[in-house]
Protein backbone atom coordinates (compact mmCIF):
# COMPACT_ATOMS: atom_id res chain seq x y z
CA UNK A 1 -28.64 -15.60 -31.30
CA UNK A 2 -27.47 -12.14 -30.63
CA UNK A 3 -29.85 -9.67 -29.02
CA UNK A 4 -29.43 -6.23 -30.57
CA UNK A 5 -31.98 -4.47 -28.34
CA UNK A 6 -29.60 -3.75 -25.43
CA UNK A 7 -28.68 -0.10 -24.91
CA UNK A 8 -25.05 -0.28 -24.03
CA UNK A 9 -22.89 2.66 -23.00
CA UNK A 10 -21.57 4.74 -25.87
CA UNK A 11 -17.95 3.62 -25.48
CA UNK A 12 -18.89 0.01 -26.42
CA UNK A 13 -19.60 1.18 -29.93
CA UNK A 14 -16.18 2.66 -30.64
CA UNK A 15 -13.78 0.80 -28.32
CA UNK A 16 -12.82 -2.48 -30.04
CA UNK A 17 -11.82 -5.71 -28.35
CA UNK A 18 -8.06 -5.86 -27.54
CA UNK A 19 -6.23 -7.11 -30.56
CA UNK A 20 -3.91 -9.26 -28.32
CA UNK A 21 -6.86 -10.84 -26.60
CA UNK A 22 -8.53 -11.59 -29.85
CA UNK A 23 -5.34 -13.15 -31.27
CA UNK A 24 -4.75 -15.29 -28.13
CA UNK A 25 -7.79 -17.38 -29.30
CA UNK A 26 -6.05 -18.25 -32.55
CA UNK A 27 -4.13 -21.57 -32.50
CA UNK A 28 -0.93 -21.67 -34.48
CA UNK A 29 2.41 -23.47 -34.50
CA UNK A 30 4.46 -20.29 -34.25
CA UNK A 31 2.85 -17.90 -31.71
CA UNK A 32 4.68 -14.67 -31.62
CA UNK A 33 1.65 -12.60 -30.53
CA UNK A 34 0.85 -12.16 -26.78
CA UNK A 35 3.63 -11.32 -24.26
CA UNK A 36 3.18 -14.45 -22.13
CA UNK A 37 5.65 -14.90 -19.31
CA UNK A 38 7.02 -18.45 -19.77
CA UNK A 39 10.09 -18.78 -17.64
CA UNK A 40 8.14 -19.01 -14.30
CA UNK A 41 9.85 -20.22 -11.14
CA UNK A 42 7.48 -23.12 -10.66
CA UNK A 43 9.71 -24.95 -8.17
CA UNK A 44 9.78 -21.93 -5.93
CA UNK A 45 6.09 -21.58 -5.87
CA UNK A 46 5.47 -25.25 -5.36
CA UNK A 47 7.60 -25.01 -2.26
CA UNK A 48 5.85 -21.86 -1.04
CA UNK A 49 2.40 -23.37 -1.40
CA UNK A 50 3.42 -26.65 0.19
CA UNK A 51 4.89 -24.91 3.23
CA UNK A 52 1.97 -22.60 3.45
CA UNK A 53 -0.53 -25.51 3.32
CA UNK A 54 1.39 -27.37 6.01
CA UNK A 55 1.46 -24.23 8.21
CA UNK A 56 -2.28 -23.62 7.66
CA UNK A 57 -3.09 -27.15 8.66
CA UNK A 58 -0.96 -26.96 11.74
CA UNK A 59 -2.44 -23.67 12.91
CA UNK A 60 -6.00 -24.77 12.25
CA UNK A 61 -5.43 -28.00 14.26
CA UNK A 62 -3.87 -25.93 17.08
CA UNK A 63 -6.85 -23.57 17.10
CA UNK A 64 -4.96 -20.67 15.58
CA UNK A 65 -6.70 -20.60 12.22
CA UNK A 66 -8.72 -17.50 13.02
CA UNK A 67 -5.50 -15.68 13.78
CA UNK A 68 -3.36 -16.80 10.82
CA UNK A 69 -5.44 -18.37 8.09
CA UNK A 70 -8.73 -16.48 8.37
CA UNK A 71 -7.21 -12.98 7.56
CA UNK A 72 -5.60 -14.28 4.32
CA UNK A 73 -9.02 -15.68 3.17
CA UNK A 74 -10.82 -12.44 3.85
CA UNK A 75 -11.11 -8.86 2.80
CA UNK A 76 -7.95 -6.73 3.39
CA UNK A 77 -6.91 -3.14 3.15
CA UNK A 78 -7.68 -1.57 -0.19
CA UNK A 79 -4.11 -0.36 -0.62
CA UNK A 80 -2.61 -3.72 0.30
CA UNK A 81 -1.23 -5.66 3.21
CA UNK A 82 1.45 -3.86 5.22
CA UNK A 83 4.03 -6.70 5.37
CA UNK A 84 4.03 -7.13 1.62
CA UNK A 85 4.24 -3.37 1.03
CA UNK A 86 7.23 -3.25 3.48
CA UNK A 87 8.89 -6.01 1.53
CA UNK A 88 8.38 -4.23 -1.77
CA UNK A 89 9.56 -0.89 -0.32
CA UNK A 90 12.83 -2.46 0.86
CA UNK A 91 13.42 -3.88 -2.60
CA UNK A 92 12.50 -0.65 -4.33
CA UNK A 93 15.05 1.20 -2.22
CA UNK A 94 17.77 -1.38 -2.72
CA UNK A 95 17.24 -2.54 -6.24
CA UNK A 96 15.35 0.26 -8.00
CA UNK A 97 17.31 3.07 -6.30
CA UNK A 98 14.37 4.88 -4.85
CA UNK A 99 16.70 5.72 -1.97
CA UNK A 100 14.81 8.96 -1.07
CA UNK A 101 12.20 6.69 0.58
CA UNK A 102 12.68 6.05 4.26
CA UNK A 103 13.34 2.43 5.05
CA UNK A 104 10.85 2.58 7.96
CA UNK A 105 8.06 4.57 6.50
CA UNK A 106 8.55 4.24 2.72
CA UNK A 107 6.04 1.33 2.53
CA UNK A 108 3.22 3.89 3.04
CA UNK A 109 3.86 5.13 -0.53
CA UNK A 110 3.50 1.60 -2.00
CA UNK A 111 0.05 0.85 -3.46
CA UNK A 112 -1.04 -2.69 -4.39
CA UNK A 113 -3.38 -3.20 -7.34
CA UNK A 114 -4.96 -6.24 -9.00
CA UNK A 115 -2.40 -6.25 -11.73
CA UNK A 116 -0.57 -3.17 -12.95
CA UNK A 117 -3.31 -2.98 -15.63
CA UNK A 118 -5.69 -2.01 -12.86
CA UNK A 119 -3.30 0.68 -11.70
CA UNK A 120 -3.06 2.11 -15.21
CA UNK A 121 -6.90 2.26 -15.47
CA UNK A 122 -7.21 3.78 -12.03
CA UNK A 123 -4.74 6.54 -12.76
CA UNK A 124 -6.44 7.44 -15.95
CA UNK A 125 -9.87 7.43 -14.31
CA UNK A 126 -8.52 9.51 -11.52
CA UNK A 127 -7.00 12.21 -13.76
CA UNK A 128 -8.93 12.40 -16.98
CA UNK A 129 -12.18 14.23 -17.82
CA UNK A 130 -13.39 14.06 -21.50
CA UNK A 131 -11.23 16.39 -23.56
CA UNK A 132 -8.23 16.41 -21.30
CA UNK A 133 -4.82 16.00 -23.06
CA UNK A 134 -2.66 12.95 -22.72
CA UNK A 135 0.83 12.47 -24.24
CA UNK A 136 2.08 8.99 -25.02
CA UNK A 137 4.81 7.41 -27.18
CA UNK A 138 4.18 6.35 -30.73
CA UNK A 139 3.77 3.41 -30.72
CA UNK A 140 2.47 2.70 -27.19
CA UNK A 141 1.18 -0.09 -24.98
CA UNK A 142 -2.40 -0.85 -26.19
CA UNK A 143 -3.57 -1.68 -22.66
CA UNK A 144 -3.00 2.00 -21.89
CA UNK A 145 -4.46 3.36 -25.05
CA UNK A 146 -7.81 1.57 -24.72
CA UNK A 147 -8.79 3.03 -21.29
CA UNK A 148 -7.54 6.44 -22.44
CA UNK A 149 -9.80 6.38 -25.43
CA UNK A 150 -12.68 4.98 -23.37
CA UNK A 151 -12.40 8.07 -21.11
CA UNK A 152 -12.43 10.31 -24.14
CA UNK A 153 -9.01 11.85 -23.74
CA UNK A 154 -7.37 13.90 -26.56
CA UNK A 155 -4.33 11.68 -27.28
CA UNK A 156 -1.13 13.30 -28.60
CA UNK A 157 1.50 10.74 -29.67
CA UNK A 158 5.14 11.62 -29.36
CA UNK A 159 7.74 10.20 -31.74
CA UNK A 160 10.29 7.68 -30.65
CA UNK A 161 13.56 6.34 -32.16
CA UNK A 162 15.77 3.31 -31.40
CA UNK A 163 16.34 4.69 -27.82
CA UNK A 164 12.73 5.42 -27.09
CA UNK A 165 11.06 8.71 -26.32
CA UNK A 166 12.85 11.79 -27.67
CA UNK A 167 13.11 14.55 -25.05
CA UNK A 168 12.84 17.40 -27.67
CA UNK A 169 9.72 15.83 -28.98
CA UNK A 170 8.22 15.67 -25.44
CA UNK A 171 8.83 19.45 -25.07
CA UNK A 172 7.56 20.13 -28.50
CA UNK A 173 4.39 18.15 -27.93
CA UNK A 174 3.71 19.96 -24.70
CA UNK A 175 4.36 23.44 -26.32
CA UNK A 176 2.14 22.72 -29.36
CA UNK A 177 -0.65 21.20 -27.11
CA UNK A 178 -0.83 24.47 -25.39
CA UNK A 179 -1.22 26.26 -28.70
CA UNK A 180 -3.74 23.86 -30.17
CA UNK A 181 -5.81 22.92 -27.07
CA UNK A 182 -5.05 25.90 -24.76
CA UNK A 183 -3.52 23.61 -22.22
CA UNK A 184 -0.73 21.17 -21.61
CA UNK A 185 -1.09 17.45 -21.37
CA UNK A 186 -2.08 16.33 -17.85
CA UNK A 187 -0.07 13.12 -18.15
CA UNK A 188 2.90 11.61 -20.03
CA UNK A 189 3.05 7.86 -20.32
CA UNK A 190 6.29 6.00 -20.86
CA UNK A 191 7.70 2.53 -20.55
CA UNK A 192 11.50 3.31 -20.08
CA UNK A 193 12.74 -0.32 -19.68
CA UNK A 194 12.54 -2.79 -22.56
CA UNK A 195 9.52 -0.94 -23.91
CA UNK A 196 6.29 -2.62 -24.93
CA UNK A 197 5.84 -2.78 -27.87
CA UNK A 198 9.28 -1.65 -29.36
CA UNK A 199 11.77 -3.19 -26.86
CA UNK A 200 13.82 -0.03 -26.59
CA UNK A 201 15.73 1.10 -23.52
CA UNK A 202 15.49 4.75 -22.61
CA UNK A 203 18.99 6.06 -21.70
CA UNK A 204 19.52 7.62 -18.26
CA UNK A 205 20.32 10.95 -19.80
CA UNK A 206 16.91 11.12 -21.58
CA UNK A 207 15.11 10.00 -18.45
CA UNK A 208 16.46 12.91 -16.46
CA UNK A 209 15.76 15.34 -19.32
CA UNK A 210 12.16 14.15 -19.64
CA UNK A 211 11.74 14.38 -15.84
CA UNK A 212 13.00 17.95 -15.80
CA UNK A 213 10.80 18.97 -18.74
CA UNK A 214 7.61 17.47 -17.12
CA UNK A 215 8.39 18.99 -13.68
CA UNK A 216 8.74 22.45 -15.25
CA UNK A 217 5.58 22.02 -17.34
CA UNK A 218 3.59 20.45 -14.43
CA UNK A 219 2.97 17.21 -16.44
CA UNK A 220 2.57 14.07 -14.29
CA UNK A 221 4.75 11.22 -15.49
CA UNK A 222 3.15 7.62 -15.61
CA UNK A 223 6.32 5.50 -15.55
CA UNK A 224 5.33 1.94 -16.37
CA UNK A 225 8.28 -0.25 -15.21
CA UNK A 226 6.67 -3.64 -16.03
CA UNK A 227 9.92 -4.90 -17.59
CA UNK A 228 12.39 -3.30 -15.28
CA UNK A 229 13.84 -6.67 -14.06
CA UNK A 230 13.91 -8.24 -17.50
CA UNK A 231 17.25 -6.90 -18.83
CA UNK A 232 19.20 -9.73 -20.25
CA UNK A 233 22.37 -8.96 -18.23
CA UNK A 234 20.43 -8.01 -15.02
CA UNK A 235 21.62 -4.36 -15.17
CA UNK A 236 19.30 -1.53 -14.16
CA UNK A 237 19.20 2.15 -15.23
CA UNK A 238 17.82 4.62 -12.71
CA UNK A 239 14.05 4.80 -13.05
CA UNK A 240 12.58 8.27 -13.64
CA UNK A 241 11.10 7.99 -10.21
CA UNK A 242 14.63 8.05 -8.76
CA UNK A 243 14.76 11.85 -9.36
CA UNK A 244 11.33 12.44 -7.83
CA UNK A 245 12.74 12.91 -4.41
CA UNK A 246 9.75 14.93 -3.07
CA UNK A 247 7.44 12.24 -4.42
CA UNK A 248 5.28 14.67 -6.30
CA UNK A 249 5.71 14.30 -10.03
CA UNK A 250 5.89 10.61 -11.04
CA UNK A 251 3.62 7.62 -10.62
CA UNK A 252 5.92 4.57 -10.71
CA UNK A 253 4.01 1.33 -11.74
CA UNK A 254 5.30 -2.18 -11.85
CA UNK A 255 4.00 -5.74 -11.83
CA UNK A 256 4.81 -9.15 -10.31
CA UNK A 257 3.76 -10.89 -13.50
CA UNK A 258 7.03 -10.63 -15.35
CA UNK A 259 9.43 -10.99 -12.45
CA UNK A 260 7.49 -13.51 -10.36
CA UNK A 261 4.29 -15.08 -11.66
CA UNK A 262 0.87 -14.02 -13.08
CA UNK A 263 -0.96 -13.78 -9.84
CA UNK A 264 -2.59 -10.51 -10.99
CA UNK A 265 -0.80 -8.26 -8.53
CA UNK A 266 0.75 -4.84 -9.41
CA UNK A 267 2.54 -2.43 -7.27
CA UNK A 268 3.05 1.27 -7.54
CA UNK A 269 4.85 4.19 -5.71
CA UNK A 270 2.59 7.20 -5.77
CA UNK A 271 2.49 10.85 -4.48
CA UNK A 272 0.26 10.96 -1.38
CA UNK A 273 -2.63 12.86 -2.90
CA UNK A 274 -2.73 10.54 -5.96
CA UNK A 275 -2.48 7.52 -3.60
CA UNK A 276 -5.58 8.58 -1.74
CA UNK A 277 -7.63 9.08 -4.93
CA UNK A 278 -6.38 5.72 -6.31
CA UNK A 279 -7.53 3.95 -3.14
CA UNK A 280 -10.86 5.56 -3.33
CA UNK A 281 -11.29 4.55 -6.96
CA UNK A 282 -10.03 0.99 -6.37
CA UNK A 283 -12.49 0.46 -3.65
CA UNK A 284 -15.33 0.77 -6.15
CA UNK A 285 -13.71 -1.73 -8.50
CA UNK A 286 -12.74 -4.71 -6.36
CA UNK A 287 -12.55 -3.53 -2.72
CA UNK A 288 -9.15 -5.05 -2.32
CA UNK A 289 -6.56 -7.29 -4.04
CA UNK A 290 -6.67 -10.97 -2.70
CA UNK A 291 -4.66 -11.18 0.52
CA UNK A 292 -3.64 -14.75 -0.07
CA UNK A 293 -1.91 -13.73 -3.36
CA UNK A 294 -0.03 -11.03 -1.45
CA UNK A 295 1.14 -13.47 1.19
CA UNK A 296 2.35 -15.81 -1.43
CA UNK A 297 4.36 -13.17 -3.24
CA UNK A 298 5.62 -11.67 -0.01
CA UNK A 299 7.39 -15.01 0.73
CA UNK A 300 8.69 -15.25 -2.82
CA UNK A 301 10.11 -11.71 -2.78
CA UNK A 302 11.82 -12.15 0.62
CA UNK A 303 13.13 -15.75 0.25
CA UNK A 304 13.40 -16.69 -3.48
CA UNK A 305 13.42 -13.87 -5.91
CA UNK A 306 17.05 -12.99 -5.79
CA UNK A 307 18.02 -16.57 -6.66
CA UNK A 308 15.17 -17.27 -9.13
CA UNK A 309 15.34 -14.05 -11.15
CA UNK A 310 18.68 -14.65 -12.85
CA UNK A 311 17.48 -18.08 -14.14
CA UNK A 312 14.31 -16.35 -15.44
CA UNK A 313 16.27 -13.70 -17.22
CA UNK A 314 18.68 -16.20 -18.75
CA UNK A 315 15.74 -17.98 -20.53
CA UNK A 316 14.49 -14.71 -22.02
CA UNK A 317 18.09 -13.74 -22.96
CA UNK A 318 18.51 -17.00 -24.94
CA UNK A 319 15.19 -16.59 -26.72
CA UNK A 320 15.72 -12.85 -27.44
CA UNK A 321 19.18 -13.62 -28.92
CA UNK A 322 17.67 -16.48 -31.02
CA UNK A 323 14.92 -13.99 -32.29
CA UNK A 324 17.53 -11.38 -33.24
CA UNK A 325 19.65 -13.92 -34.99
CA UNK A 326 16.80 -15.41 -36.89
CA UNK A 327 15.45 -12.04 -37.90
CA UNK A 328 18.82 -10.84 -39.24
CA UNK A 329 19.25 -14.10 -41.19
CA UNK A 330 15.75 -14.30 -42.68
CA UNK A 331 14.14 -10.80 -42.61
CA UNK A 332 16.86 -8.17 -42.78
CA UNK A 333 16.47 -7.87 -46.59
CA UNK A 334 12.98 -6.51 -46.27
CA UNK A 335 12.63 -5.12 -42.74
CA UNK A 336 14.51 -3.36 -40.00
CA UNK A 337 14.18 -4.21 -36.29
CA UNK A 338 14.85 -2.74 -32.86
CA UNK A 339 17.66 -4.11 -30.75
CA UNK A 340 16.16 -5.17 -27.36
CA UNK A 341 18.48 -5.64 -24.45
CA UNK A 342 15.70 -7.17 -22.40
CA UNK A 343 11.96 -7.67 -22.18
CA UNK A 344 9.75 -9.76 -24.48
CA UNK A 345 9.60 -8.06 -27.88
CA UNK A 346 11.21 -7.13 -31.20
CA UNK A 347 9.55 -4.38 -33.20
CA UNK A 348 9.83 -4.73 -37.00
CA UNK A 349 9.18 -2.18 -39.70
CA UNK A 350 8.88 -3.36 -43.31
CA UNK A 351 10.91 -1.39 -45.89
CA UNK A 352 7.86 -1.30 -48.08
CA UNK A 353 5.75 1.45 -46.60
CA UNK A 354 2.61 0.10 -48.40
CA UNK A 355 2.95 -3.24 -46.64
CA UNK A 356 -0.21 -3.76 -44.55
CA UNK A 357 0.75 -6.07 -41.57
CA UNK A 358 -2.90 -6.61 -40.47
CA UNK A 359 -3.95 -7.75 -43.93
CA UNK A 360 -0.88 -9.95 -44.33
CA UNK A 361 -1.53 -11.55 -40.97
CA UNK A 362 -5.04 -12.62 -41.82
CA UNK A 363 -4.39 -13.60 -45.44
CA UNK A 364 -0.95 -15.12 -45.18
CA UNK A 365 0.61 -15.58 -41.79
CA UNK A 366 -2.24 -17.23 -39.90
CA UNK A 367 -3.07 -19.63 -42.78
CA UNK A 368 0.71 -20.59 -42.50
CA UNK A 369 0.37 -21.06 -38.75
CA UNK A 370 2.28 -17.89 -37.72
CA UNK A 371 0.99 -15.16 -35.32
CA UNK A 372 2.29 -11.68 -34.43
CA UNK A 373 0.55 -8.47 -33.53
CA UNK A 374 0.21 -5.86 -36.22
CA UNK A 375 1.82 -2.61 -35.25
CA UNK A 376 -1.31 -0.55 -35.93
CA UNK A 377 -2.74 -1.97 -32.68
CA UNK A 378 -0.26 0.10 -30.72
CA UNK A 379 -1.58 3.40 -32.00
CA UNK A 380 -4.75 5.17 -31.01
CA UNK A 381 -7.84 4.50 -33.18
CA UNK A 382 -8.03 6.86 -36.20
CA UNK A 383 -10.39 9.71 -35.43
CA UNK A 384 -10.64 13.35 -34.21
CA UNK A 385 -9.15 12.59 -30.82
CA UNK A 386 -5.92 11.07 -32.17
CA UNK A 387 -3.17 13.61 -32.81
CA UNK A 388 0.54 13.26 -33.48
CA UNK A 389 3.39 15.56 -32.78
CA UNK A 390 5.66 15.95 -35.87
CA UNK A 391 9.20 16.77 -34.74
CA UNK A 392 10.32 17.89 -38.20
CA UNK A 393 7.51 20.40 -38.76
CA UNK A 394 7.18 21.20 -35.04
CA UNK A 395 3.42 20.81 -35.32
CA UNK A 396 0.51 18.59 -34.13
CA UNK A 397 -1.07 16.79 -36.99
CA UNK A 398 -3.90 14.27 -37.35
CA UNK A 399 -2.63 10.87 -36.14
CA UNK A 400 -1.86 8.04 -38.51
CA UNK A 401 -0.78 4.52 -37.43
CA UNK A 402 2.21 2.88 -39.15
CA UNK A 403 0.59 -0.13 -40.78
CA UNK A 404 3.84 -1.61 -42.11
CA UNK A 405 4.99 -2.59 -38.59
CA UNK A 406 4.56 -5.61 -36.23
CA UNK A 407 5.40 -6.67 -32.69
CA UNK A 408 7.07 -10.11 -32.46
CA UNK A 409 7.15 -11.85 -29.17
CA UNK A 410 10.05 -14.08 -28.10
CA UNK A 411 9.27 -14.77 -24.40
CA UNK A 412 6.84 -17.66 -24.88
CA UNK A 413 8.08 -19.72 -27.93
CA UNK A 414 11.04 -22.05 -27.63
CA UNK A 415 14.31 -21.26 -29.39
CA UNK A 416 13.49 -23.92 -31.99
CA UNK A 417 10.03 -22.47 -32.61
CA UNK A 418 11.60 -19.08 -32.96
CA UNK A 419 14.20 -20.27 -35.57
CA UNK A 420 11.64 -22.21 -37.62
CA UNK A 421 8.87 -19.61 -37.36
CA UNK A 422 10.96 -16.61 -38.24
CA UNK A 423 12.52 -18.56 -41.14
CA UNK A 424 9.10 -19.24 -42.50
CA UNK A 425 7.98 -15.67 -41.90
CA UNK A 426 10.89 -14.32 -43.69
CA UNK A 427 10.16 -16.54 -46.71
CA UNK A 428 6.55 -15.34 -46.75
CA UNK A 429 7.31 -11.66 -46.37
CA UNK A 430 10.56 -11.28 -48.21
CA UNK A 431 9.75 -13.96 -50.82
CA UNK A 432 13.11 -15.51 -50.78
């Protein structure tokens, strides 16, 4: 029996449960909902854990357990363990082209969080007071939108196309925010690589343009690079953080969940003043990220990742290609899609603007054992704090989600499930 006498905080009455978390409880044959990493390097982690256990046992028997094992089972530094931060810094310099960082001291800019989701929340909590302005793509990652709405930000969505955020729209949204609210957005959020939810890849030219705009307008960029290693061919475009040579304007966030395993560990490169505030805020949430997890991933990044990552990407490439082929064969008559070159998702928009993807999911798709995430979940909740920049009219208007859209995941289902499931979905939607 539900007790309705509790006096919960106000946000609990208007922030809904995550649509993805809700849908993960639904059991179907064709699950194209949550972005579950599936190509995990289990053999590598089995070897790491076996070697670690053997080493622990030897050290304990030799009386060295308090020196080697005990620290990994105990509290650690809030910002993360130095050896792991050094390992990540080396890779960020080599692989992610953050070559303005010093090879010896750059690790001090690297911040460890309990998942990159925690880093997103910490950044929003650090920056936003109620009524502050936040700019974000339309559509946008719902794990970012929820905390922003919880903190009562005024959210201005910025239009995107098949290549992601449009620089002219970013400038327009900033200019019109100044007119409407009397101030510019504090933050601009973006997922440049294999965007969640659209799967788009922001071209390098646009990245530099957006960086220059935000520097000139004093808008801090939150660059979510969760899928930076998930390009199908292994190529990498300069992250926006590459141009932040003074480490002042961009918060660069990434995660080990996609490129390694879901051990709930994220890593960020932050300007020093933001780093300090983030560490303070994190201390109140969980004190520190588990040291043992950091040690496991430190070994993986140093000894295994360069060999394992191509195999992981190849699995997602095969599934992504299968999704694109199946979509074009079975759904192209009634919908258009994005063209992902990596990541986990295809974004589909029905030709029929009146199509309600949420209603169709509940009434047709789930009864036929198919799951996807309705596109409306990736827009802010309708209400007075949801605004949208319109590029054509150069104005900020009340926000409106695009209900005829859906995010379709290909990382978790097999190629056969993709082929069969999209064939069935196409028959149900396109009625052919």
